[in-house]
Amino acid sequence: LQTWYYQILIFLAGTLSDPEVEIDALTI
């Protein structure tokens, strides 16, 4: 249940900091 929560945090962090981080988070 916590995995999706972390994925959302990483997704939001990626959109705020770098789009590359967002792509890396999605590939995982």
PDB file of N, CA and C in Angstrom:
ATOM      1  N   LEU A   1       0.828  -1.206   0.000  1.00  0.00           N
ATOM      2  CA  LEU A   1       0.000   0.000   0.000  1.00  0.00           C
ATOM      3  C   LEU A   1       0.860   1.253   0.000  1.00  0.00           C
ATOM      4  N   GLN A   2       2.096   1.132   0.477  1.00  0.00           N
ATOM      5  CA  GLN A   2       2.968   2.308   0.563  1.00  0.00           C
ATOM      6  C   GLN A   2       3.718   2.555  -0.738  1.00  0.00           C
ATOM      7  N   THR A   3       3.799   1.519  -1.576  1.00  0.00           N
ATOM      8  CA  THR A   3       4.580   1.651  -2.811  1.00  0.00           C
ATOM      9  C   THR A   3       3.995   2.718  -3.719  1.00  0.00           C
ATOM     10  N   TRP A   4       2.680   2.727  -3.868  1.00  0.00           N
ATOM     11  CA  TRP A   4       2.056   3.721  -4.751  1.00  0.00           C
ATOM     12  C   TRP A   4       2.234   5.119  -4.174  1.00  0.00           C
ATOM     13  N   TYR A   5       2.254   5.207  -2.853  1.00  0.00           N
ATOM     14  CA  TYR A   5       2.430   6.500  -2.199  1.00  0.00           C
ATOM     15  C   TYR A   5       3.805   7.077  -2.517  1.00  0.00           C
ATOM     16  N   TYR A   6       4.825   6.224  -2.444  1.00  0.00           N
ATOM     17  CA  TYR A   6       6.187   6.661  -2.759  1.00  0.00           C
ATOM     18  C   TYR A   6       6.315   6.999  -4.233  1.00  0.00           C
ATOM     19  N   GLN A   7       5.638   6.248  -5.084  1.00  0.00           N
ATOM     20  CA  GLN A   7       5.697   6.505  -6.524  1.00  0.00           C
ATOM     21  C   GLN A   7       5.102   7.871  -6.845  1.00  0.00           C
ATOM     22  N   ILE A   8       4.028   8.221  -6.143  1.00  0.00           N
ATOM     23  CA  ILE A   8       3.407   9.535  -6.352  1.00  0.00           C
ATOM     24  C   ILE A   8       4.350  10.637  -5.887  1.00  0.00           C
ATOM     25  N   LEU A   9       5.014  10.422  -4.746  1.00  0.00           N
ATOM     26  CA  LEU A   9       5.960  11.420  -4.243  1.00  0.00           C
ATOM     27  C   LEU A   9       7.106  11.612  -5.218  1.00  0.00           C
ATOM     28  N   ILE A  10       7.619  10.494  -5.745  1.00  0.00           N
ATOM     29  CA  ILE A  10       8.716  10.562  -6.711  1.00  0.00           C
ATOM     30  C   ILE A  10       8.244  11.249  -7.985  1.00  0.00           C
ATOM     31  N   PHE A  11       7.001  10.961  -8.378  1.00  0.00           N
ATOM     32  CA  PHE A  11       6.455  11.563  -9.594  1.00  0.00           C
ATOM     33  C   PHE A  11       6.324  13.071  -9.426  1.00  0.00           C
ATOM     34  N   LEU A  12       5.793  13.499  -8.284  1.00  0.00           N
ATOM     35  CA  LEU A  12       5.639  14.928  -8.018  1.00  0.00           C
ATOM     36  C   LEU A  12       7.000  15.598  -7.897  1.00  0.00           C
ATOM     37  N   ALA A  13       7.922  14.944  -7.230  1.00  0.00           N
ATOM     38  CA  ALA A  13       9.266  15.494  -7.066  1.00  0.00           C
ATOM     39  C   ALA A  13       9.937  15.625  -8.428  1.00  0.00           C
ATOM     40  N   GLY A  14       9.671  14.659  -9.310  1.00  0.00           N
ATOM     41  CA  GLY A  14      10.260  14.688 -10.645  1.00  0.00           C
ATOM     42  C   GLY A  14       9.723  15.848 -11.462  1.00  0.00           C
ATOM     43  N   THR A  15       8.433  16.114 -11.338  1.00  0.00           N
ATOM     44  CA  THR A  15       7.833  17.192 -12.113  1.00  0.00           C
ATOM     45  C   THR A  15       8.304  18.545 -11.597  1.00  0.00           C
ATOM     46  N   LEU A  16       8.608  18.628 -10.308  1.00  0.00           N
ATOM     47  CA  LEU A  16       9.037  19.895  -9.726  1.00  0.00           C
ATOM     48  C   LEU A  16      10.522  20.149  -9.956  1.00  0.00           C
ATOM     49  N   SER A  17      11.326  19.096  -9.885  1.00  0.00           N
ATOM     50  CA  SER A  17      12.770  19.276 -10.011  1.00  0.00           C
ATOM     51  C   SER A  17      13.231  19.077 -11.452  1.00  0.00           C
ATOM     52  N   ASP A  18      13.200  17.822 -11.927  1.00  0.00           N
ATOM     53  CA  ASP A  18      13.656  17.522 -13.286  1.00  0.00           C
ATOM     54  C   ASP A  18      12.747  16.494 -13.939  1.00  0.00           C
ATOM     55  N   PRO A  19      12.411  16.697 -15.196  1.00  0.00           N
ATOM     56  CA  PRO A  19      11.588  15.724 -15.923  1.00  0.00           C
ATOM     57  C   PRO A  19      12.312  14.395 -16.092  1.00  0.00           C
ATOM     58  N   GLU A  20      13.646  14.441 -16.046  1.00  0.00           N
ATOM     59  CA  GLU A  20      14.424  13.212 -16.200  1.00  0.00           C
ATOM     60  C   GLU A  20      14.181  12.286 -15.008  1.00  0.00           C
ATOM     61  N   VAL A  21      14.059  12.872 -13.830  1.00  0.00           N
ATOM     62  CA  VAL A  21      13.800  12.076 -12.628  1.00  0.00           C
ATOM     63  C   VAL A  21      12.443  11.400 -12.741  1.00  0.00           C
ATOM     64  N   GLU A  22      11.497  12.117 -13.332  1.00  0.00           N
ATOM     65  CA  GLU A  22      10.159  11.567 -13.513  1.00  0.00           C
ATOM     66  C   GLU A  22      10.210  10.341 -14.408  1.00  0.00           C
ATOM     67  N   ILE A  23      10.962  10.437 -15.491  1.00  0.00           N
ATOM     68  CA  ILE A  23      11.094   9.318 -16.429  1.00  0.00           C
ATOM     69  C   ILE A  23      11.784   8.138 -15.747  1.00  0.00           C
ATOM     70  N   ASP A  24      12.822   8.425 -14.962  1.00  0.00           N
ATOM     71  CA  ASP A  24      13.535   7.361 -14.251  1.00  0.00           C
ATOM     72  C   ASP A  24      12.600   6.668 -13.263  1.00  0.00           C
ATOM     73  N   ALA A  25      11.737   7.435 -12.609  1.00  0.00           N
ATOM     74  CA  ALA A  25      10.809   6.859 -11.641  1.00  0.00           C
ATOM     75  C   ALA A  25       9.802   5.957 -12.344  1.00  0.00           C
ATOM     76  N   LEU A  26       9.383   6.352 -13.547  1.00  0.00           N
ATOM     77  CA  LEU A  26       8.402   5.559 -14.283  1.00  0.00           C
ATOM     78  C   LEU A  26       9.019   4.273 -14.798  1.00  0.00           C
ATOM     79  N   THR A  27      10.298   4.310 -15.143  1.00  0.00           N
ATOM     80  CA  THR A  27      10.949   3.114 -15.674  1.00  0.00           C
ATOM     81  C   THR A  27      11.102   2.057 -14.586  1.00  0.00           C
ATOM     82  N   ILE A  28      11.224   2.500 -13.347  1.00  0.00           N
ATOM     83  CA  ILE A  28      11.341   1.552 -12.228  1.00  0.00           C
ATOM     84  C   ILE A  28       9.974   0.936 -11.979  1.00  0.00           C
TER      85      ILE A  28
END
